[in-house]
Amino acid sequence: QVQLVESGGGLVQAGGSLRLSCAASGSPFSMNAMGWYRQAPGKQRELVARITNSGTKYRDSVKGRFTISRVGTKNTVFLQMNSLKPEDTGVYYCHAAYALLGNEYNYWGQGTQVTVSS
């Protein structure tokens, strides 16, 4: 049973920083992709940043402020968030996926709240 455990959320003032961490346990394989999504109240879940063997991808609104990283092929991913804005507020979910024999397996964390006050 694969489980993703997130940590690092909290309350911060605009302009501040937070670092999110996500560790996936129980997987015999290295994840092909790991990333972060967020969901604000009344809005759909959206991709924030993603890292694969091919590189990284960010949504436009966080480019230059957020950095996603991963230690080698370990199933641990980080999201360094700088210059936070009130619109970054939401529940941040860790996502991990791997492909095996033509099937894709997707996993989600329970979410961690990030609140940015103005």
N, C-alpha and C. Protein backbone atom coordinates (compact mmCIF):
# COMPACT_ATOMS: atom_id res chain seq x y z
N GLN A 1 0.85 -1.18 0.00
CA GLN A 1 0.00 0.00 0.00
C GLN A 1 0.89 1.24 0.00
N VAL A 2 0.78 2.03 -1.06
CA VAL A 2 1.58 3.26 -1.16
C VAL A 2 0.88 4.37 -0.40
N GLN A 3 1.63 5.07 0.40
CA GLN A 3 1.09 6.21 1.13
C GLN A 3 1.98 7.42 0.92
N LEU A 4 1.36 8.58 0.73
CA LEU A 4 2.09 9.83 0.61
C LEU A 4 1.81 10.65 1.86
N VAL A 5 2.86 11.11 2.49
CA VAL A 5 2.71 11.91 3.70
C VAL A 5 3.34 13.27 3.47
N GLU A 6 2.52 14.31 3.60
CA GLU A 6 2.98 15.67 3.38
C GLU A 6 3.22 16.38 4.71
N SER A 7 4.08 17.37 4.65
CA SER A 7 4.31 18.21 5.82
C SER A 7 4.79 19.57 5.35
N GLY A 8 4.72 20.55 6.24
CA GLY A 8 5.29 21.85 5.94
C GLY A 8 4.31 22.97 5.68
N GLY A 9 3.04 22.69 5.66
CA GLY A 9 2.07 23.76 5.45
C GLY A 9 1.97 24.65 6.67
N GLY A 10 1.19 25.72 6.54
CA GLY A 10 1.01 26.62 7.67
C GLY A 10 0.50 27.97 7.26
N LEU A 11 0.59 28.90 8.19
CA LEU A 11 0.15 30.27 7.97
C LEU A 11 1.37 31.17 7.85
N VAL A 12 1.37 32.00 6.82
CA VAL A 12 2.52 32.88 6.58
C VAL A 12 2.00 34.19 6.02
N GLN A 13 2.72 35.26 6.26
CA GLN A 13 2.35 36.56 5.69
C GLN A 13 2.79 36.64 4.23
N ALA A 14 2.13 37.48 3.50
CA ALA A 14 2.50 37.70 2.10
C ALA A 14 3.98 38.11 2.02
N GLY A 15 4.66 37.52 1.07
CA GLY A 15 6.09 37.76 0.92
C GLY A 15 6.96 36.74 1.63
N GLY A 16 6.34 35.93 2.47
CA GLY A 16 7.07 34.93 3.22
C GLY A 16 7.33 33.65 2.42
N SER A 17 7.90 32.67 3.11
CA SER A 17 8.27 31.42 2.47
C SER A 17 7.78 30.22 3.27
N LEU A 18 7.54 29.14 2.58
CA LEU A 18 7.24 27.85 3.18
C LEU A 18 7.90 26.76 2.34
N ARG A 19 8.18 25.65 2.98
CA ARG A 19 8.74 24.50 2.26
C ARG A 19 7.89 23.28 2.57
N LEU A 20 7.32 22.72 1.52
CA LEU A 20 6.51 21.51 1.66
C LEU A 20 7.36 20.28 1.36
N SER A 21 7.08 19.22 2.08
CA SER A 21 7.76 17.95 1.85
C SER A 21 6.72 16.85 1.67
N CYS A 22 7.07 15.87 0.87
CA CYS A 22 6.18 14.74 0.65
C CYS A 22 7.03 13.49 0.50
N ALA A 23 6.72 12.50 1.29
CA ALA A 23 7.44 11.23 1.22
C ALA A 23 6.47 10.11 0.89
N ALA A 24 6.82 9.32 -0.10
CA ALA A 24 5.99 8.18 -0.50
C ALA A 24 6.61 6.92 0.07
N SER A 25 5.81 6.18 0.80
CA SER A 25 6.28 4.92 1.36
C SER A 25 5.48 3.76 0.81
N GLY A 26 6.09 2.59 0.85
CA GLY A 26 5.37 1.39 0.44
C GLY A 26 5.47 1.05 -1.03
N SER A 27 6.20 1.85 -1.81
CA SER A 27 6.32 1.56 -3.23
C SER A 27 7.63 0.82 -3.51
N PRO A 28 7.56 -0.27 -4.25
CA PRO A 28 8.80 -0.97 -4.60
C PRO A 28 9.53 -0.30 -5.75
N PHE A 29 8.88 0.69 -6.35
CA PHE A 29 9.46 1.35 -7.52
C PHE A 29 9.70 2.82 -7.26
N SER A 30 10.63 3.37 -8.05
CA SER A 30 10.82 4.81 -8.03
C SER A 30 9.73 5.44 -8.88
N MET A 31 9.08 6.44 -8.36
CA MET A 31 7.99 7.10 -9.07
C MET A 31 8.50 7.78 -10.34
N ASN A 32 7.76 7.65 -11.42
CA ASN A 32 8.13 8.32 -12.66
C ASN A 32 7.89 9.82 -12.57
N ALA A 33 6.89 10.21 -11.81
CA ALA A 33 6.54 11.62 -11.68
C ALA A 33 6.08 11.89 -10.26
N MET A 34 6.46 13.05 -9.76
CA MET A 34 5.95 13.52 -8.48
C MET A 34 5.63 15.00 -8.63
N GLY A 35 4.64 15.45 -7.89
CA GLY A 35 4.27 16.84 -8.04
C GLY A 35 3.36 17.33 -6.95
N TRP A 36 2.97 18.58 -7.10
CA TRP A 36 2.10 19.25 -6.16
C TRP A 36 0.94 19.89 -6.89
N TYR A 37 -0.24 19.70 -6.35
CA TYR A 37 -1.45 20.34 -6.81
C TYR A 37 -2.01 21.16 -5.65
N ARG A 38 -2.87 22.10 -5.97
CA ARG A 38 -3.53 22.85 -4.89
C ARG A 38 -4.99 23.08 -5.25
N GLN A 39 -5.76 23.28 -4.20
CA GLN A 39 -7.18 23.55 -4.37
C GLN A 39 -7.61 24.63 -3.40
N ALA A 40 -8.09 25.72 -3.97
CA ALA A 40 -8.62 26.82 -3.17
C ALA A 40 -10.12 26.61 -2.98
N PRO A 41 -10.70 27.20 -1.95
CA PRO A 41 -12.14 27.02 -1.71
C PRO A 41 -12.96 27.43 -2.93
N GLY A 42 -13.85 26.55 -3.34
CA GLY A 42 -14.72 26.84 -4.47
C GLY A 42 -14.08 26.72 -5.83
N LYS A 43 -12.84 26.25 -5.86
CA LYS A 43 -12.14 26.14 -7.14
C LYS A 43 -11.70 24.71 -7.38
N GLN A 44 -11.36 24.43 -8.63
CA GLN A 44 -10.89 23.10 -8.98
C GLN A 44 -9.43 22.92 -8.58
N ARG A 45 -9.06 21.68 -8.38
CA ARG A 45 -7.67 21.37 -8.08
C ARG A 45 -6.83 21.69 -9.32
N GLU A 46 -5.67 22.31 -9.10
CA GLU A 46 -4.82 22.71 -10.21
C GLU A 46 -3.38 22.30 -9.98
N LEU A 47 -2.69 22.02 -11.06
CA LEU A 47 -1.28 21.66 -10.98
C LEU A 47 -0.46 22.88 -10.58
N VAL A 48 0.42 22.70 -9.62
CA VAL A 48 1.35 23.76 -9.22
C VAL A 48 2.72 23.50 -9.82
N ALA A 49 3.25 22.31 -9.61
CA ALA A 49 4.57 21.97 -10.11
C ALA A 49 4.69 20.45 -10.19
N ARG A 50 5.52 20.02 -11.13
CA ARG A 50 5.66 18.60 -11.37
C ARG A 50 7.10 18.32 -11.77
N ILE A 51 7.63 17.18 -11.34
CA ILE A 51 8.99 16.81 -11.71
C ILE A 51 8.99 15.38 -12.21
N THR A 52 9.64 15.19 -13.34
CA THR A 52 9.78 13.86 -13.93
C THR A 52 11.24 13.67 -14.32
N ASN A 53 11.52 12.53 -14.92
CA ASN A 53 12.89 12.29 -15.39
C ASN A 53 13.26 13.27 -16.51
N SER A 54 12.24 13.86 -17.15
CA SER A 54 12.49 14.77 -18.26
C SER A 54 12.70 16.21 -17.80
N GLY A 55 12.31 16.51 -16.56
CA GLY A 55 12.48 17.88 -16.08
C GLY A 55 11.35 18.32 -15.20
N THR A 56 11.18 19.64 -15.12
CA THR A 56 10.16 20.21 -14.25
C THR A 56 9.16 21.03 -15.04
N LYS A 57 7.99 21.19 -14.44
CA LYS A 57 6.92 21.99 -15.05
C LYS A 57 6.24 22.77 -13.94
N TYR A 58 5.96 24.05 -14.22
CA TYR A 58 5.30 24.92 -13.24
C TYR A 58 4.11 25.62 -13.90
N ARG A 59 3.11 25.92 -13.08
CA ARG A 59 2.07 26.78 -13.61
C ARG A 59 2.64 28.19 -13.67
N ASP A 60 2.13 28.98 -14.62
CA ASP A 60 2.73 30.29 -14.88
C ASP A 60 2.78 31.18 -13.65
N SER A 61 1.76 31.13 -12.83
CA SER A 61 1.65 32.07 -11.71
C SER A 61 2.69 31.82 -10.61
N VAL A 62 3.37 30.68 -10.63
CA VAL A 62 4.35 30.40 -9.58
C VAL A 62 5.78 30.37 -10.12
N LYS A 63 5.94 30.51 -11.42
CA LYS A 63 7.29 30.49 -12.01
C LYS A 63 8.14 31.60 -11.42
N GLY A 64 9.36 31.25 -11.06
CA GLY A 64 10.27 32.22 -10.47
C GLY A 64 10.11 32.37 -8.97
N ARG A 65 9.04 31.80 -8.41
CA ARG A 65 8.81 31.89 -6.96
C ARG A 65 8.88 30.53 -6.28
N PHE A 66 8.42 29.50 -6.98
CA PHE A 66 8.39 28.15 -6.41
C PHE A 66 9.45 27.28 -7.09
N THR A 67 10.01 26.36 -6.33
CA THR A 67 10.97 25.42 -6.88
C THR A 67 10.64 24.02 -6.38
N ILE A 68 10.46 23.10 -7.32
CA ILE A 68 10.22 21.71 -6.96
C ILE A 68 11.53 20.95 -7.08
N SER A 69 11.76 20.04 -6.17
CA SER A 69 13.01 19.29 -6.22
C SER A 69 12.79 17.88 -5.68
N ARG A 70 13.71 17.03 -6.03
CA ARG A 70 13.63 15.63 -5.62
C ARG A 70 15.06 15.13 -5.45
N VAL A 71 15.29 14.29 -4.49
CA VAL A 71 16.62 13.76 -4.25
C VAL A 71 16.80 12.49 -5.06
N GLY A 72 17.49 12.59 -6.17
CA GLY A 72 17.73 11.43 -7.03
C GLY A 72 16.44 10.73 -7.40
N THR A 73 16.42 9.43 -7.22
CA THR A 73 15.23 8.63 -7.54
C THR A 73 14.43 8.29 -6.28
N LYS A 74 14.78 8.93 -5.18
CA LYS A 74 14.02 8.68 -3.96
C LYS A 74 12.61 9.21 -4.10
N ASN A 75 11.69 8.58 -3.46
CA ASN A 75 10.29 8.98 -3.56
C ASN A 75 9.95 10.06 -2.54
N THR A 76 10.75 11.11 -2.59
CA THR A 76 10.54 12.26 -1.73
C THR A 76 10.64 13.50 -2.59
N VAL A 77 9.68 14.40 -2.42
CA VAL A 77 9.67 15.61 -3.23
C VAL A 77 9.44 16.81 -2.32
N PHE A 78 10.04 17.94 -2.72
CA PHE A 78 9.93 19.16 -1.95
C PHE A 78 9.38 20.27 -2.84
N LEU A 79 8.74 21.22 -2.19
CA LEU A 79 8.29 22.42 -2.89
C LEU A 79 8.69 23.62 -2.04
N GLN A 80 9.68 24.35 -2.53
CA GLN A 80 10.10 25.58 -1.86
C GLN A 80 9.27 26.72 -2.43
N MET A 81 8.54 27.39 -1.57
CA MET A 81 7.65 28.47 -2.00
C MET A 81 8.13 29.78 -1.40
N ASN A 82 8.55 30.68 -2.25
CA ASN A 82 9.02 31.99 -1.83
C ASN A 82 8.09 33.08 -2.35
N SER A 83 8.21 34.26 -1.77
CA SER A 83 7.39 35.41 -2.20
C SER A 83 5.92 35.03 -2.30
N LEU A 84 5.44 34.40 -1.26
CA LEU A 84 4.07 33.91 -1.28
C LEU A 84 3.06 35.05 -1.36
N LYS A 85 1.96 34.77 -2.05
CA LYS A 85 0.89 35.73 -2.24
C LYS A 85 -0.41 35.16 -1.67
N PRO A 86 -1.34 36.02 -1.30
CA PRO A 86 -2.63 35.51 -0.79
C PRO A 86 -3.31 34.54 -1.75
N GLU A 87 -3.12 34.72 -3.04
CA GLU A 87 -3.75 33.83 -4.00
C GLU A 87 -3.09 32.44 -4.05
N ASP A 88 -2.00 32.26 -3.32
CA ASP A 88 -1.40 30.93 -3.21
C ASP A 88 -2.09 30.09 -2.13
N THR A 89 -3.00 30.69 -1.41
CA THR A 89 -3.71 29.99 -0.35
C THR A 89 -4.51 28.82 -0.89
N GLY A 90 -4.46 27.71 -0.17
CA GLY A 90 -5.22 26.53 -0.57
C GLY A 90 -4.70 25.29 0.12
N VAL A 91 -5.32 24.17 -0.18
CA VAL A 91 -4.83 22.89 0.29
C VAL A 91 -3.91 22.34 -0.78
N TYR A 92 -2.72 22.01 -0.38
CA TYR A 92 -1.71 21.50 -1.31
C TYR A 92 -1.63 19.98 -1.18
N TYR A 93 -1.76 19.33 -2.32
CA TYR A 93 -1.76 17.86 -2.36
C TYR A 93 -0.54 17.36 -3.11
N CYS A 94 0.11 16.39 -2.52
CA CYS A 94 1.21 15.72 -3.19
C CYS A 94 0.65 14.63 -4.11
N HIS A 95 1.25 14.48 -5.26
CA HIS A 95 0.85 13.46 -6.22
C HIS A 95 2.07 12.69 -6.67
N ALA A 96 1.89 11.40 -6.85
CA ALA A 96 2.98 10.56 -7.36
C ALA A 96 2.40 9.53 -8.32
N ALA A 97 3.19 9.19 -9.32
CA ALA A 97 2.70 8.24 -10.31
C ALA A 97 3.86 7.41 -10.85
N TYR A 98 3.55 6.15 -11.17
CA TYR A 98 4.51 5.35 -11.92
C TYR A 98 3.77 4.47 -12.90
N ALA A 99 4.46 4.11 -13.96
CA ALA A 99 3.89 3.29 -15.01
C ALA A 99 4.56 1.93 -15.00
N LEU A 100 3.77 0.89 -15.17
CA LEU A 100 4.30 -0.46 -15.15
C LEU A 100 3.45 -1.34 -16.06
N LEU A 101 4.09 -1.96 -17.02
CA LEU A 101 3.41 -2.90 -17.92
C LEU A 101 2.16 -2.29 -18.55
N GLY A 102 2.27 -1.04 -18.95
CA GLY A 102 1.17 -0.38 -19.64
C GLY A 102 0.12 0.22 -18.73
N ASN A 103 0.25 0.05 -17.45
CA ASN A 103 -0.69 0.64 -16.50
C ASN A 103 -0.04 1.80 -15.77
N GLU A 104 -0.85 2.81 -15.44
CA GLU A 104 -0.35 3.93 -14.65
C GLU A 104 -1.01 3.91 -13.29
N TYR A 105 -0.21 4.08 -12.28
CA TYR A 105 -0.68 4.07 -10.91
C TYR A 105 -0.50 5.47 -10.33
N ASN A 106 -1.57 6.03 -9.79
CA ASN A 106 -1.55 7.38 -9.26
C ASN A 106 -1.88 7.36 -7.77
N TYR A 107 -1.18 8.19 -7.04
CA TYR A 107 -1.37 8.26 -5.59
C TYR A 107 -1.45 9.72 -5.15
N TRP A 108 -2.22 9.96 -4.09
CA TRP A 108 -2.41 11.31 -3.57
C TRP A 108 -2.18 11.33 -2.06
N GLY A 109 -1.63 12.44 -1.61
CA GLY A 109 -1.52 12.66 -0.19
C GLY A 109 -2.83 13.20 0.37
N GLN A 110 -2.86 13.39 1.67
CA GLN A 110 -4.08 13.84 2.32
C GLN A 110 -4.26 15.35 2.24
N GLY A 111 -3.22 16.06 1.85
CA GLY A 111 -3.30 17.51 1.71
C GLY A 111 -2.77 18.24 2.93
N THR A 112 -2.17 19.39 2.68
CA THR A 112 -1.68 20.23 3.76
C THR A 112 -2.10 21.67 3.46
N GLN A 113 -2.61 22.35 4.46
CA GLN A 113 -3.14 23.69 4.28
C GLN A 113 -2.03 24.72 4.24
N VAL A 114 -2.11 25.59 3.24
CA VAL A 114 -1.23 26.75 3.14
C VAL A 114 -2.11 27.99 3.13
N THR A 115 -1.87 28.87 4.06
CA THR A 115 -2.65 30.11 4.15
C THR A 115 -1.70 31.28 4.14
N VAL A 116 -1.91 32.19 3.19
CA VAL A 116 -1.06 33.37 3.05
C VAL A 116 -1.93 34.59 3.36
N SER A 117 -1.56 35.29 4.40
CA SER A 117 -2.34 36.47 4.80
C SER A 117 -1.77 37.72 4.16
N SER A 118 -2.65 38.66 3.88
CA SER A 118 -2.21 39.91 3.22
C SER A 118 -1.81 40.96 4.24
